[in-house]
Amino acid sequence: MKKLISIIQEKAAGRTVMFLFILTMASYFYMLMFTIPMLEKYAPGIDLFDLSPSGYSYDHAIILLDTLGESGRSVYLTRQLPADFIYPGLFAISYSLLLTWLFLKCFDPKSWVYYLVFFPILAGIFDYLENIGIILMVHAYPDLTPGLVRFASIMTALKSAFTTIFFLVLFFGFVAWAVSLIRSRKEAYSSL
């Protein structure tokens, strides 16, 4: 684990972080502006699996897949999910590097705080598992099993939980960085 943290620390350069952040946001906005609205046209007013942070019930899954119809389910498989197989990897890599870059500005490289950089990686892993669950549900429809829906729903909830934790850790990182900047400026002024 420490070896992996060391590798992440080596790769957390400002330009790399910025490039990956821009790529990640472009991928996110592509889904937000194009593929998700395209999919929502087939099931207006019904939360998509990807957008149900606390998960969903078996009944919700049946209603959504039924309302989407064959065309909407095809859009899920051919438009939304391919885009959503790019985003989790970018999210995991860019945000773990962003956290590391922030932490390197205000914490010792051997600090326990670097274990927090794994939260976006976990969010990305659960996002991939959620996507696999959605693919399986779309292909299994109308013969969905409660176990399959439960699996996909749990993956969605875990993705959402780890994403939320990541954003809290990111906020903590920015606060820690601001505090370290204030301290260093105070020290610079007091030495004059």
C-alpha atoms as a PDB file:
ATOM      1  CA  MET A   1       0.000   0.000   0.000  1.00  0.00           C
ATOM      2  CA  LYS A   2       2.839   2.383   0.864  1.00  0.00           C
ATOM      3  CA  LYS A   3       4.520   1.562  -2.444  1.00  0.00           C
ATOM      4  CA  LEU A   4       1.326   2.484  -4.321  1.00  0.00           C
ATOM      5  CA  ILE A   5       1.057   5.746  -2.367  1.00  0.00           C
ATOM      6  CA  SER A   6       4.678   6.486  -3.275  1.00  0.00           C
ATOM      7  CA  ILE A   7       3.930   5.922  -6.980  1.00  0.00           C
ATOM      8  CA  ILE A   8       0.857   8.180  -6.796  1.00  0.00           C
ATOM      9  CA  GLN A   9       2.962  10.862  -5.081  1.00  0.00           C
ATOM     10  CA  GLU A  10       5.531  10.686  -7.887  1.00  0.00           C
ATOM     11  CA  LYS A  11       2.835  11.148 -10.546  1.00  0.00           C
ATOM     12  CA  ALA A  12       0.986  14.012  -8.788  1.00  0.00           C
ATOM     13  CA  ALA A  13       2.546  16.878 -10.752  1.00  0.00           C
ATOM     14  CA  GLY A  14       0.535  20.051 -11.331  1.00  0.00           C
ATOM     15  CA  ARG A  15       0.304  19.775 -15.132  1.00  0.00           C
ATOM     16  CA  THR A  16      -0.659  16.102 -14.997  1.00  0.00           C
ATOM     17  CA  VAL A  17      -3.332  16.831 -12.403  1.00  0.00           C
ATOM     18  CA  MET A  18      -4.702  19.747 -14.450  1.00  0.00           C
ATOM     19  CA  PHE A  19      -4.734  17.767 -17.716  1.00  0.00           C
ATOM     20  CA  LEU A  20      -6.523  14.793 -16.127  1.00  0.00           C
ATOM     21  CA  PHE A  21      -8.963  17.077 -14.295  1.00  0.00           C
ATOM     22  CA  ILE A  22      -9.930  18.757 -17.588  1.00  0.00           C
ATOM     23  CA  LEU A  23     -10.304  15.371 -19.296  1.00  0.00           C
ATOM     24  CA  THR A  24     -12.432  14.061 -16.417  1.00  0.00           C
ATOM     25  CA  MET A  25     -14.682  17.117 -16.434  1.00  0.00           C
ATOM     26  CA  ALA A  26     -15.075  16.899 -20.225  1.00  0.00           C
ATOM     27  CA  SER A  27     -16.160  13.272 -19.883  1.00  0.00           C
ATOM     28  CA  TYR A  28     -18.562  14.175 -17.065  1.00  0.00           C
ATOM     29  CA  PHE A  29     -20.100  17.095 -18.964  1.00  0.00           C
ATOM     30  CA  TYR A  30     -20.485  14.960 -22.087  1.00  0.00           C
ATOM     31  CA  MET A  31     -22.682  12.563 -20.105  1.00  0.00           C
ATOM     32  CA  LEU A  32     -24.466  15.368 -18.268  1.00  0.00           C
ATOM     33  CA  MET A  33     -25.233  17.383 -21.413  1.00  0.00           C
ATOM     34  CA  PHE A  34     -25.746  14.634 -24.008  1.00  0.00           C
ATOM     35  CA  THR A  35     -26.111  10.993 -23.041  1.00  0.00           C
ATOM     36  CA  ILE A  36     -28.124  11.383 -19.838  1.00  0.00           C
ATOM     37  CA  PRO A  37     -30.663  13.854 -21.346  1.00  0.00           C
ATOM     38  CA  MET A  38     -30.924  11.548 -24.390  1.00  0.00           C
ATOM     39  CA  LEU A  39     -31.772   8.668 -22.070  1.00  0.00           C
ATOM     40  CA  GLU A  40     -34.134  10.708 -19.893  1.00  0.00           C
ATOM     41  CA  LYS A  41     -36.316  11.450 -22.947  1.00  0.00           C
ATOM     42  CA  TYR A  42     -37.327   7.779 -22.937  1.00  0.00           C
ATOM     43  CA  ALA A  43     -38.268   7.776 -19.232  1.00  0.00           C
ATOM     44  CA  PRO A  44     -39.203  11.314 -18.178  1.00  0.00           C
ATOM     45  CA  GLY A  45     -39.574  11.781 -14.444  1.00  0.00           C
ATOM     46  CA  ILE A  46     -38.036   8.411 -13.564  1.00  0.00           C
ATOM     47  CA  ASP A  47     -34.592   8.414 -11.948  1.00  0.00           C
ATOM     48  CA  LEU A  48     -31.992   6.573 -13.976  1.00  0.00           C
ATOM     49  CA  PHE A  49     -29.959   3.914 -12.193  1.00  0.00           C
ATOM     50  CA  ASP A  50     -26.810   6.055 -12.401  1.00  0.00           C
ATOM     51  CA  LEU A  51     -28.621   8.991 -10.780  1.00  0.00           C
ATOM     52  CA  SER A  52     -30.119   7.180  -7.784  1.00  0.00           C
ATOM     53  CA  PRO A  53     -27.524   7.771  -5.044  1.00  0.00           C
ATOM     54  CA  SER A  54     -29.299   5.734  -2.385  1.00  0.00           C
ATOM     55  CA  GLY A  55     -29.948   2.836  -4.737  1.00  0.00           C
ATOM     56  CA  TYR A  56     -33.248   1.587  -6.094  1.00  0.00           C
ATOM     57  CA  SER A  57     -35.825  -1.107  -5.565  1.00  0.00           C
ATOM     58  CA  TYR A  58     -36.726  -4.058  -7.746  1.00  0.00           C
ATOM     59  CA  ASP A  59     -40.004  -2.317  -8.640  1.00  0.00           C
ATOM     60  CA  HIS A  60     -38.139   0.841  -9.675  1.00  0.00           C
ATOM     61  CA  ALA A  61     -35.828  -1.196 -11.910  1.00  0.00           C
ATOM     62  CA  ILE A  62     -38.782  -2.906 -13.634  1.00  0.00           C
ATOM     63  CA  ILE A  63     -40.649   0.399 -14.118  1.00  0.00           C
ATOM     64  CA  LEU A  64     -37.553   2.170 -15.493  1.00  0.00           C
ATOM     65  CA  LEU A  65     -36.586  -0.600 -17.905  1.00  0.00           C
ATOM     66  CA  ASP A  66     -40.181  -1.017 -19.052  1.00  0.00           C
ATOM     67  CA  THR A  67     -40.661   2.734 -19.569  1.00  0.00           C
ATOM     68  CA  LEU A  68     -37.379   3.048 -21.465  1.00  0.00           C
ATOM     69  CA  GLY A  69     -38.664   0.582 -23.991  1.00  0.00           C
ATOM     70  CA  GLU A  70     -36.434  -1.242 -26.427  1.00  0.00           C
ATOM     71  CA  SER A  71     -35.063   1.982 -27.931  1.00  0.00           C
ATOM     72  CA  GLY A  72     -34.252   3.523 -24.547  1.00  0.00           C
ATOM     73  CA  ARG A  73     -32.579   0.354 -23.315  1.00  0.00           C
ATOM     74  CA  SER A  74     -30.504   0.367 -26.498  1.00  0.00           C
ATOM     75  CA  VAL A  75     -29.464   3.981 -25.827  1.00  0.00           C
ATOM     76  CA  TYR A  76     -28.452   2.939 -22.303  1.00  0.00           C
ATOM     77  CA  LEU A  77     -26.239   0.181 -23.711  1.00  0.00           C
ATOM     78  CA  THR A  78     -24.811   1.996 -26.734  1.00  0.00           C
ATOM     79  CA  ARG A  79     -24.527   5.621 -25.598  1.00  0.00           C
ATOM     80  CA  GLN A  80     -24.650   6.124 -21.818  1.00  0.00           C
ATOM     81  CA  LEU A  81     -22.732   3.083 -20.622  1.00  0.00           C
ATOM     82  CA  PRO A  82     -19.799   3.391 -23.066  1.00  0.00           C
ATOM     83  CA  ALA A  83     -19.326   6.984 -21.876  1.00  0.00           C
ATOM     84  CA  ASP A  84     -19.716   5.802 -18.297  1.00  0.00           C
ATOM     85  CA  PHE A  85     -16.942   3.261 -18.780  1.00  0.00           C
ATOM     86  CA  ILE A  86     -14.506   6.077 -19.543  1.00  0.00           C
ATOM     87  CA  TYR A  87     -15.524   8.379 -16.692  1.00  0.00           C
ATOM     88  CA  PRO A  88     -14.904   6.145 -13.605  1.00  0.00           C
ATOM     89  CA  GLY A  89     -11.291   5.488 -14.565  1.00  0.00           C
ATOM     90  CA  LEU A  90     -10.661   9.167 -15.184  1.00  0.00           C
ATOM     91  CA  PHE A  91     -12.420  10.027 -11.911  1.00  0.00           C
ATOM     92  CA  ALA A  92     -10.329   7.525  -9.948  1.00  0.00           C
ATOM     93  CA  ILE A  93      -6.994   8.561 -11.410  1.00  0.00           C
ATOM     94  CA  SER A  94      -7.434  12.318 -11.658  1.00  0.00           C
ATOM     95  CA  TYR A  95      -9.012  12.811  -8.257  1.00  0.00           C
ATOM     96  CA  SER A  96      -6.582  10.563  -6.396  1.00  0.00           C
ATOM     97  CA  LEU A  97      -3.770  12.571  -8.014  1.00  0.00           C
ATOM     98  CA  LEU A  98      -5.525  15.855  -7.171  1.00  0.00           C
ATOM     99  CA  LEU A  99      -5.814  14.853  -3.509  1.00  0.00           C
ATOM    100  CA  THR A 100      -2.185  13.766  -3.467  1.00  0.00           C
ATOM    101  CA  TRP A 101      -1.078  17.027  -5.088  1.00  0.00           C
ATOM    102  CA  LEU A 102      -3.007  18.990  -2.433  1.00  0.00           C
ATOM    103  CA  PHE A 103      -1.714  16.870   0.436  1.00  0.00           C
ATOM    104  CA  LEU A 104       1.891  17.210  -0.739  1.00  0.00           C
ATOM    105  CA  LYS A 105       1.518  20.957  -0.272  1.00  0.00           C
ATOM    106  CA  CYS A 106       0.704  20.675   3.423  1.00  0.00           C
ATOM    107  CA  PHE A 107       1.500  17.202   4.811  1.00  0.00           C
ATOM    108  CA  ASP A 108       4.606  15.121   5.256  1.00  0.00           C
ATOM    109  CA  PRO A 109       4.840  12.544   2.426  1.00  0.00           C
ATOM    110  CA  LYS A 110       4.797   9.764   5.042  1.00  0.00           C
ATOM    111  CA  SER A 111       1.583  10.982   6.705  1.00  0.00           C
ATOM    112  CA  TRP A 112      -1.402   8.670   7.179  1.00  0.00           C
ATOM    113  CA  VAL A 113      -3.495  11.240   5.282  1.00  0.00           C
ATOM    114  CA  TYR A 114      -2.359   9.768   1.944  1.00  0.00           C
ATOM    115  CA  TYR A 115      -4.512   6.711   2.564  1.00  0.00           C
ATOM    116  CA  LEU A 116      -7.464   9.033   1.870  1.00  0.00           C
ATOM    117  CA  VAL A 117      -6.439   9.206  -1.797  1.00  0.00           C
ATOM    118  CA  PHE A 118      -7.966   5.747  -2.244  1.00  0.00           C
ATOM    119  CA  PHE A 119     -11.543   7.040  -1.817  1.00  0.00           C
ATOM    120  CA  PRO A 120     -11.882   8.211  -5.447  1.00  0.00           C
ATOM    121  CA  ILE A 121     -10.349   4.920  -6.582  1.00  0.00           C
ATOM    122  CA  LEU A 122     -12.977   3.014  -4.602  1.00  0.00           C
ATOM    123  CA  ALA A 123     -15.701   5.245  -6.063  1.00  0.00           C
ATOM    124  CA  GLY A 124     -14.423   4.410  -9.552  1.00  0.00           C
ATOM    125  CA  ILE A 125     -14.358   0.665  -8.840  1.00  0.00           C
ATOM    126  CA  PHE A 126     -17.930   0.714  -7.542  1.00  0.00           C
ATOM    127  CA  ASP A 127     -18.982   2.796 -10.559  1.00  0.00           C
ATOM    128  CA  TYR A 128     -17.609   0.078 -12.860  1.00  0.00           C
ATOM    129  CA  LEU A 129     -19.432  -2.597 -10.854  1.00  0.00           C
ATOM    130  CA  GLU A 130     -22.621  -0.509 -11.036  1.00  0.00           C
ATOM    131  CA  ASN A 131     -22.231  -0.290 -14.832  1.00  0.00           C
ATOM    132  CA  ILE A 132     -21.768  -4.054 -15.091  1.00  0.00           C
ATOM    133  CA  GLY A 133     -24.919  -4.499 -12.995  1.00  0.00           C
ATOM    134  CA  ILE A 134     -26.858  -2.154 -15.281  1.00  0.00           C
ATOM    135  CA  ILE A 135     -25.668  -4.022 -18.386  1.00  0.00           C
ATOM    136  CA  LEU A 136     -26.758  -7.307 -16.835  1.00  0.00           C
ATOM    137  CA  MET A 137     -30.166  -5.852 -15.884  1.00  0.00           C
ATOM    138  CA  VAL A 138     -30.771  -4.422 -19.368  1.00  0.00           C
ATOM    139  CA  HIS A 139     -29.858  -7.749 -20.979  1.00  0.00           C
ATOM    140  CA  ALA A 140     -31.916  -9.755 -18.469  1.00  0.00           C
ATOM    141  CA  TYR A 141     -35.043  -7.612 -18.811  1.00  0.00           C
ATOM    142  CA  PRO A 142     -37.887  -8.613 -18.456  1.00  0.00           C
ATOM    143  CA  ASP A 143     -36.551 -11.592 -16.480  1.00  0.00           C
ATOM    144  CA  LEU A 144     -34.810  -9.570 -13.776  1.00  0.00           C
ATOM    145  CA  THR A 145     -33.966 -11.304 -10.542  1.00  0.00           C
ATOM    146  CA  PRO A 146     -34.195  -9.433  -7.231  1.00  0.00           C
ATOM    147  CA  GLY A 147     -30.605 -10.479  -6.481  1.00  0.00           C
ATOM    148  CA  LEU A 148     -29.268  -8.817  -9.624  1.00  0.00           C
ATOM    149  CA  VAL A 149     -31.160  -5.595  -8.896  1.00  0.00           C
ATOM    150  CA  ARG A 150     -29.950  -5.673  -5.282  1.00  0.00           C
ATOM    151  CA  PHE A 151     -26.345  -6.101  -6.444  1.00  0.00           C
ATOM    152  CA  ALA A 152     -26.564  -3.184  -8.899  1.00  0.00           C
ATOM    153  CA  SER A 153     -28.373  -1.019  -6.354  1.00  0.00           C
ATOM    154  CA  ILE A 154     -25.746  -1.669  -3.669  1.00  0.00           C
ATOM    155  CA  MET A 155     -22.969  -0.819  -6.149  1.00  0.00           C
ATOM    156  CA  THR A 156     -24.771   2.447  -6.982  1.00  0.00           C
ATOM    157  CA  ALA A 157     -25.102   3.325  -3.294  1.00  0.00           C
ATOM    158  CA  LEU A 158     -21.440   2.478  -2.602  1.00  0.00           C
ATOM    159  CA  LYS A 159     -20.303   4.542  -5.609  1.00  0.00           C
ATOM    160  CA  SER A 160     -22.326   7.474  -4.302  1.00  0.00           C
ATOM    161  CA  ALA A 161     -21.052   7.057  -0.733  1.00  0.00           C
ATOM    162  CA  PHE A 162     -17.384   6.949  -1.756  1.00  0.00           C
ATOM    163  CA  THR A 163     -17.891   9.877  -4.141  1.00  0.00           C
ATOM    164  CA  THR A 164     -19.401  11.909  -1.295  1.00  0.00           C
ATOM    165  CA  ILE A 165     -16.542  10.943   1.023  1.00  0.00           C
ATOM    166  CA  PHE A 166     -14.070  11.981  -1.682  1.00  0.00           C
ATOM    167  CA  PHE A 167     -15.615  15.454  -1.934  1.00  0.00           C
ATOM    168  CA  LEU A 168     -15.458  15.821   1.861  1.00  0.00           C
ATOM    169  CA  VAL A 169     -11.788  14.792   1.789  1.00  0.00           C
ATOM    170  CA  LEU A 170     -11.174  17.241  -1.072  1.00  0.00           C
ATOM    171  CA  PHE A 171     -12.711  20.028   1.010  1.00  0.00           C
ATOM    172  CA  PHE A 172     -10.473  18.966   3.923  1.00  0.00           C
ATOM    173  CA  GLY A 173      -7.473  19.101   1.547  1.00  0.00           C
ATOM    174  CA  PHE A 174      -8.270  22.650   0.431  1.00  0.00           C
ATOM    175  CA  VAL A 175      -8.758  23.768   4.048  1.00  0.00           C
ATOM    176  CA  ALA A 176      -5.447  22.166   5.066  1.00  0.00           C
ATOM    177  CA  TRP A 177      -3.709  23.868   2.133  1.00  0.00           C
ATOM    178  CA  ALA A 178      -5.218  27.261   3.028  1.00  0.00           C
ATOM    179  CA  VAL A 179      -4.132  26.829   6.662  1.00  0.00           C
ATOM    180  CA  SER A 180      -0.582  25.931   5.583  1.00  0.00           C
ATOM    181  CA  LEU A 181      -0.447  28.991   3.283  1.00  0.00           C
ATOM    182  CA  ILE A 182      -1.594  31.264   6.121  1.00  0.00           C
ATOM    183  CA  ARG A 183       0.990  29.759   8.481  1.00  0.00           C
ATOM    184  CA  SER A 184       3.813  30.129   5.998  1.00  0.00           C
ATOM    185  CA  ARG A 185       2.896  33.778   5.341  1.00  0.00           C
ATOM    186  CA  LYS A 186       2.750  34.512   9.071  1.00  0.00           C
ATOM    187  CA  GLU A 187       6.171  32.894   9.492  1.00  0.00           C
ATOM    188  CA  ALA A 188       7.541  34.943   6.580  1.00  0.00           C
ATOM    189  CA  TYR A 189       6.213  38.208   8.066  1.00  0.00           C
ATOM    190  CA  SER A 190       7.457  37.394  11.568  1.00  0.00           C
ATOM    191  CA  SER A 191      10.974  36.740  10.262  1.00  0.00           C
ATOM    192  CA  LEU A 192      11.187  40.238   8.714  1.00  0.00           C
END
